Amino acid sequence: MNFYWYFAWSRLVCVTRPHASRVERVVGIGFQPGLYPAKIVSASQAGDIQFLDIRNQSEAYLTIDAHRGSLTAFAIHRHAPLVASNSAKQLIKVFNTEGEQLDTIRYSPNFMAQKVGSATSLAFHPYQILLAAGSTDACVSIYADEVDALVS
């Protein structure tokens, strides 16, 4: 084991409780896209997404009430200003980092005539505007902002 790496990762930089008012578990967390190393985005099971600046730990500078409870999955795009969340009500919502809701993905029957289950995991493609969702019925779905995004 490399002691240097162990030592470097053991240094605590920040501790905050952005979802303390509801005392719900954190479902997902990530750094905000762009050159903002001190800004993070956190999503709780209660359904809120909080944008935090660790230099000012007193409160979130933006809160999105994405779902009324039961947030099950969260993803943040590495480069684009996008976040996505899923609720147990089989609803994926996509927001920009200003808090504006851009899209809602509702589950519908797929090509095999069965309904896709609720997403348990979400992930953005690192360089394209593609969102992958893994669901409770072992199905993986990929969503694009444009129809020809996968063709090119």
C-alpha atoms as a PDB file:
ATOM      1  CA  MET A   1       0.000   0.000   0.000  1.00  0.00           C
ATOM      2  CA  ASN A   2       1.269   3.433  -0.926  1.00  0.00           C
ATOM      3  CA  PHE A   3       1.285   5.442   2.311  1.00  0.00           C
ATOM      4  CA  TYR A   4       1.331   8.784   0.462  1.00  0.00           C
ATOM      5  CA  TRP A   5      -2.014   8.146  -1.234  1.00  0.00           C
ATOM      6  CA  TYR A   6      -3.525   6.844   1.984  1.00  0.00           C
ATOM      7  CA  PHE A   7      -2.381   9.947   3.814  1.00  0.00           C
ATOM      8  CA  ALA A   8      -3.616  12.306   1.087  1.00  0.00           C
ATOM      9  CA  TRP A   9      -7.138  10.839   1.086  1.00  0.00           C
ATOM     10  CA  SER A  10      -7.434  10.760   4.865  1.00  0.00           C
ATOM     11  CA  ARG A  11      -7.384  14.560   5.206  1.00  0.00           C
ATOM     12  CA  LEU A  12     -10.916  15.793   5.888  1.00  0.00           C
ATOM     13  CA  VAL A  13     -11.723  19.003   4.010  1.00  0.00           C
ATOM     14  CA  CYS A  14     -15.396  19.636   4.773  1.00  0.00           C
ATOM     15  CA  VAL A  15     -18.358  18.181   6.659  1.00  0.00           C
ATOM     16  CA  THR A  16     -21.851  19.586   6.240  1.00  0.00           C
ATOM     17  CA  ARG A  17     -25.458  18.416   6.707  1.00  0.00           C
ATOM     18  CA  PRO A  18     -27.453  20.072   3.913  1.00  0.00           C
ATOM     19  CA  HIS A  19     -30.483  17.824   4.366  1.00  0.00           C
ATOM     20  CA  ALA A  20     -30.593  18.084   8.168  1.00  0.00           C
ATOM     21  CA  SER A  21     -34.057  19.650   8.253  1.00  0.00           C
ATOM     22  CA  ARG A  22     -35.553  16.375   7.010  1.00  0.00           C
ATOM     23  CA  VAL A  23     -32.876  13.978   8.303  1.00  0.00           C
ATOM     24  CA  GLU A  24     -32.960  11.797   5.214  1.00  0.00           C
ATOM     25  CA  ARG A  25     -30.135   9.777   3.744  1.00  0.00           C
ATOM     26  CA  VAL A  26     -28.059  11.172   0.915  1.00  0.00           C
ATOM     27  CA  VAL A  27     -28.834   9.249  -2.292  1.00  0.00           C
ATOM     28  CA  GLY A  28     -26.221  10.873  -4.520  1.00  0.00           C
ATOM     29  CA  ILE A  29     -23.522  13.516  -4.546  1.00  0.00           C
ATOM     30  CA  GLY A  30     -21.183  14.983  -7.141  1.00  0.00           C
ATOM     31  CA  PHE A  31     -19.071  17.966  -8.010  1.00  0.00           C
ATOM     32  CA  GLN A  32     -20.743  20.667 -10.054  1.00  0.00           C
ATOM     33  CA  PRO A  33     -19.700  20.661 -13.725  1.00  0.00           C
ATOM     34  CA  GLY A  34     -17.138  23.229 -14.828  1.00  0.00           C
ATOM     35  CA  LEU A  35     -14.261  24.790 -12.988  1.00  0.00           C
ATOM     36  CA  TYR A  36     -15.925  24.951  -9.581  1.00  0.00           C
ATOM     37  CA  PRO A  37     -13.939  22.682  -7.248  1.00  0.00           C
ATOM     38  CA  ALA A  38     -15.707  24.022  -4.157  1.00  0.00           C
ATOM     39  CA  LYS A  39     -19.257  23.463  -5.423  1.00  0.00           C
ATOM     40  CA  ILE A  40     -21.074  20.180  -4.898  1.00  0.00           C
ATOM     41  CA  VAL A  41     -24.581  18.912  -5.572  1.00  0.00           C
ATOM     42  CA  SER A  42     -26.303  16.590  -3.108  1.00  0.00           C
ATOM     43  CA  ALA A  43     -29.628  14.730  -3.378  1.00  0.00           C
ATOM     44  CA  SER A  44     -31.540  13.238  -0.458  1.00  0.00           C
ATOM     45  CA  GLN A  45     -34.111  10.482  -0.246  1.00  0.00           C
ATOM     46  CA  ALA A  46     -36.677  13.122   0.773  1.00  0.00           C
ATOM     47  CA  GLY A  47     -36.587  14.423  -2.814  1.00  0.00           C
ATOM     48  CA  ASP A  48     -34.557  17.624  -2.538  1.00  0.00           C
ATOM     49  CA  ILE A  49     -31.431  18.450  -4.521  1.00  0.00           C
ATOM     50  CA  GLN A  50     -29.114  20.971  -2.881  1.00  0.00           C
ATOM     51  CA  PHE A  51     -26.344  22.979  -4.509  1.00  0.00           C
ATOM     52  CA  LEU A  52     -23.616  23.753  -1.982  1.00  0.00           C
ATOM     53  CA  ASP A  53     -20.491  25.862  -1.855  1.00  0.00           C
ATOM     54  CA  ILE A  54     -18.143  24.357   0.732  1.00  0.00           C
ATOM     55  CA  ARG A  55     -16.617  27.802   1.322  1.00  0.00           C
ATOM     56  CA  ASN A  56     -20.004  28.892   2.730  1.00  0.00           C
ATOM     57  CA  GLN A  57     -21.339  25.930   4.701  1.00  0.00           C
ATOM     58  CA  SER A  58     -24.192  27.747   6.411  1.00  0.00           C
ATOM     59  CA  GLU A  59     -26.784  26.977   3.725  1.00  0.00           C
ATOM     60  CA  ALA A  60     -27.321  25.791   0.176  1.00  0.00           C
ATOM     61  CA  TYR A  61     -27.312  28.478  -2.495  1.00  0.00           C
ATOM     62  CA  LEU A  62     -29.926  26.589  -4.529  1.00  0.00           C
ATOM     63  CA  THR A  63     -32.480  23.936  -3.580  1.00  0.00           C
ATOM     64  CA  ILE A  64     -34.640  22.014  -6.020  1.00  0.00           C
ATOM     65  CA  ASP A  65     -37.646  20.128  -4.656  1.00  0.00           C
ATOM     66  CA  ALA A  66     -37.412  17.490  -7.352  1.00  0.00           C
ATOM     67  CA  HIS A  67     -39.710  14.837  -5.893  1.00  0.00           C
ATOM     68  CA  ARG A  68     -42.004  14.559  -2.911  1.00  0.00           C
ATOM     69  CA  GLY A  69     -40.078  11.910  -1.052  1.00  0.00           C
ATOM     70  CA  SER A  70     -38.814   8.626  -2.428  1.00  0.00           C
ATOM     71  CA  LEU A  71     -35.884   9.892  -4.527  1.00  0.00           C
ATOM     72  CA  THR A  72     -34.136   6.676  -5.506  1.00  0.00           C
ATOM     73  CA  ALA A  73     -31.325   7.662  -7.888  1.00  0.00           C
ATOM     74  CA  PHE A  74     -29.272  10.712  -8.804  1.00  0.00           C
ATOM     75  CA  ALA A  75     -26.691  11.613 -11.461  1.00  0.00           C
ATOM     76  CA  ILE A  76     -24.735  14.711 -12.396  1.00  0.00           C
ATOM     77  CA  HIS A  77     -23.116  15.249 -15.788  1.00  0.00           C
ATOM     78  CA  ARG A  78     -19.356  15.643 -15.716  1.00  0.00           C
ATOM     79  CA  HIS A  79     -19.216  18.526 -18.229  1.00  0.00           C
ATOM     80  CA  ALA A  80     -22.728  19.714 -19.096  1.00  0.00           C
ATOM     81  CA  PRO A  81     -24.774  21.687 -16.534  1.00  0.00           C
ATOM     82  CA  LEU A  82     -27.248  18.821 -15.993  1.00  0.00           C
ATOM     83  CA  VAL A  83     -28.523  16.745 -13.089  1.00  0.00           C
ATOM     84  CA  ALA A  84     -31.067  13.931 -13.151  1.00  0.00           C
ATOM     85  CA  SER A  85     -33.096  12.289 -10.406  1.00  0.00           C
ATOM     86  CA  ASN A  86     -35.558   9.438 -10.194  1.00  0.00           C
ATOM     87  CA  SER A  87     -38.445   8.826  -7.833  1.00  0.00           C
ATOM     88  CA  ALA A  88     -40.143   5.609  -6.788  1.00  0.00           C
ATOM     89  CA  LYS A  89     -43.136   6.830  -8.826  1.00  0.00           C
ATOM     90  CA  GLN A  90     -41.258   5.843 -12.011  1.00  0.00           C
ATOM     91  CA  LEU A  91     -40.417   9.417 -12.976  1.00  0.00           C
ATOM     92  CA  ILE A  92     -36.998  10.727 -14.052  1.00  0.00           C
ATOM     93  CA  LYS A  93     -36.554  14.504 -13.971  1.00  0.00           C
ATOM     94  CA  VAL A  94     -33.712  16.368 -15.661  1.00  0.00           C
ATOM     95  CA  PHE A  95     -32.683  19.828 -14.411  1.00  0.00           C
ATOM     96  CA  ASN A  96     -30.022  22.344 -15.332  1.00  0.00           C
ATOM     97  CA  THR A  97     -27.704  23.709 -12.657  1.00  0.00           C
ATOM     98  CA  GLU A  98     -29.824  26.864 -12.410  1.00  0.00           C
ATOM     99  CA  GLY A  99     -32.729  24.767 -11.065  1.00  0.00           C
ATOM    100  CA  GLU A 100     -34.879  24.808 -14.200  1.00  0.00           C
ATOM    101  CA  GLN A 101     -36.626  21.519 -15.027  1.00  0.00           C
ATOM    102  CA  LEU A 102     -35.732  20.608 -18.600  1.00  0.00           C
ATOM    103  CA  ASP A 103     -37.490  17.302 -19.071  1.00  0.00           C
ATOM    104  CA  THR A 104     -39.545  14.585 -17.429  1.00  0.00           C
ATOM    105  CA  ILE A 105     -39.175  10.974 -18.493  1.00  0.00           C
ATOM    106  CA  ARG A 106     -42.194   8.829 -17.731  1.00  0.00           C
ATOM    107  CA  TYR A 107     -41.973   5.102 -18.047  1.00  0.00           C
ATOM    108  CA  SER A 108     -43.930   3.578 -20.881  1.00  0.00           C
ATOM    109  CA  PRO A 109     -44.170   0.122 -22.439  1.00  0.00           C
ATOM    110  CA  ASN A 110     -40.969  -0.848 -24.205  1.00  0.00           C
ATOM    111  CA  PHE A 111     -40.546  -2.776 -27.424  1.00  0.00           C
ATOM    112  CA  MET A 112     -41.379  -6.088 -25.712  1.00  0.00           C
ATOM    113  CA  ALA A 113     -44.734  -4.693 -24.514  1.00  0.00           C
ATOM    114  CA  GLN A 114     -43.860  -4.633 -20.846  1.00  0.00           C
ATOM    115  CA  LYS A 115     -43.540  -1.648 -18.587  1.00  0.00           C
ATOM    116  CA  VAL A 116     -40.018  -0.654 -17.570  1.00  0.00           C
ATOM    117  CA  GLY A 117     -39.518  -0.695 -13.803  1.00  0.00           C
ATOM    118  CA  SER A 118     -38.439   2.127 -11.539  1.00  0.00           C
ATOM    119  CA  ALA A 119     -34.819   3.231 -11.972  1.00  0.00           C
ATOM    120  CA  THR A 120     -32.399   2.245  -9.243  1.00  0.00           C
ATOM    121  CA  SER A 121     -29.363   3.867 -10.839  1.00  0.00           C
ATOM    122  CA  LEU A 122     -28.702   6.760 -13.211  1.00  0.00           C
ATOM    123  CA  ALA A 123     -25.534   7.711 -15.083  1.00  0.00           C
ATOM    124  CA  PHE A 124     -24.676  10.339 -17.683  1.00  0.00           C
ATOM    125  CA  HIS A 125     -22.271   9.653 -20.521  1.00  0.00           C
ATOM    126  CA  PRO A 126     -19.124  11.646 -19.701  1.00  0.00           C
ATOM    127  CA  TYR A 127     -18.937  13.554 -23.008  1.00  0.00           C
ATOM    128  CA  GLN A 128     -22.348  13.326 -24.673  1.00  0.00           C
ATOM    129  CA  ILE A 129     -25.839  14.248 -23.546  1.00  0.00           C
ATOM    130  CA  LEU A 130     -26.958  10.670 -22.901  1.00  0.00           C
ATOM    131  CA  LEU A 131     -28.587   9.369 -19.726  1.00  0.00           C
ATOM    132  CA  ALA A 132     -28.582   5.684 -18.792  1.00  0.00           C
ATOM    133  CA  ALA A 133     -31.069   4.266 -16.296  1.00  0.00           C
ATOM    134  CA  GLY A 134     -30.907   0.835 -14.693  1.00  0.00           C
ATOM    135  CA  SER A 135     -34.206  -0.430 -13.359  1.00  0.00           C
ATOM    136  CA  THR A 136     -35.597  -2.953 -10.904  1.00  0.00           C
ATOM    137  CA  ASP A 137     -36.629  -5.301 -13.721  1.00  0.00           C
ATOM    138  CA  ALA A 138     -33.004  -5.734 -14.956  1.00  0.00           C
ATOM    139  CA  CYS A 139     -33.611  -3.401 -17.904  1.00  0.00           C
ATOM    140  CA  VAL A 140     -31.126  -0.721 -18.953  1.00  0.00           C
ATOM    141  CA  SER A 141     -32.514   2.252 -20.878  1.00  0.00           C
ATOM    142  CA  ILE A 142     -30.600   5.036 -22.624  1.00  0.00           C
ATOM    143  CA  TYR A 143     -32.175   8.433 -23.218  1.00  0.00           C
ATOM    144  CA  ALA A 144     -30.908  11.205 -25.512  1.00  0.00           C
ATOM    145  CA  ASP A 145     -31.808  14.856 -25.872  1.00  0.00           C
ATOM    146  CA  GLU A 146     -31.995  14.407 -29.641  1.00  0.00           C
ATOM    147  CA  VAL A 147     -33.194  11.475 -31.733  1.00  0.00           C
ATOM    148  CA  ASP A 148     -30.005  11.277 -33.809  1.00  0.00           C
ATOM    149  CA  ALA A 149     -27.612  11.450 -30.823  1.00  0.00           C
ATOM    150  CA  LEU A 150     -26.871   7.702 -30.896  1.00  0.00           C
ATOM    151  CA  VAL A 151     -26.673   7.474 -34.685  1.00  0.00           C
ATOM    152  CA  SER A 152     -23.829   9.944 -35.206  1.00  0.00           C
END
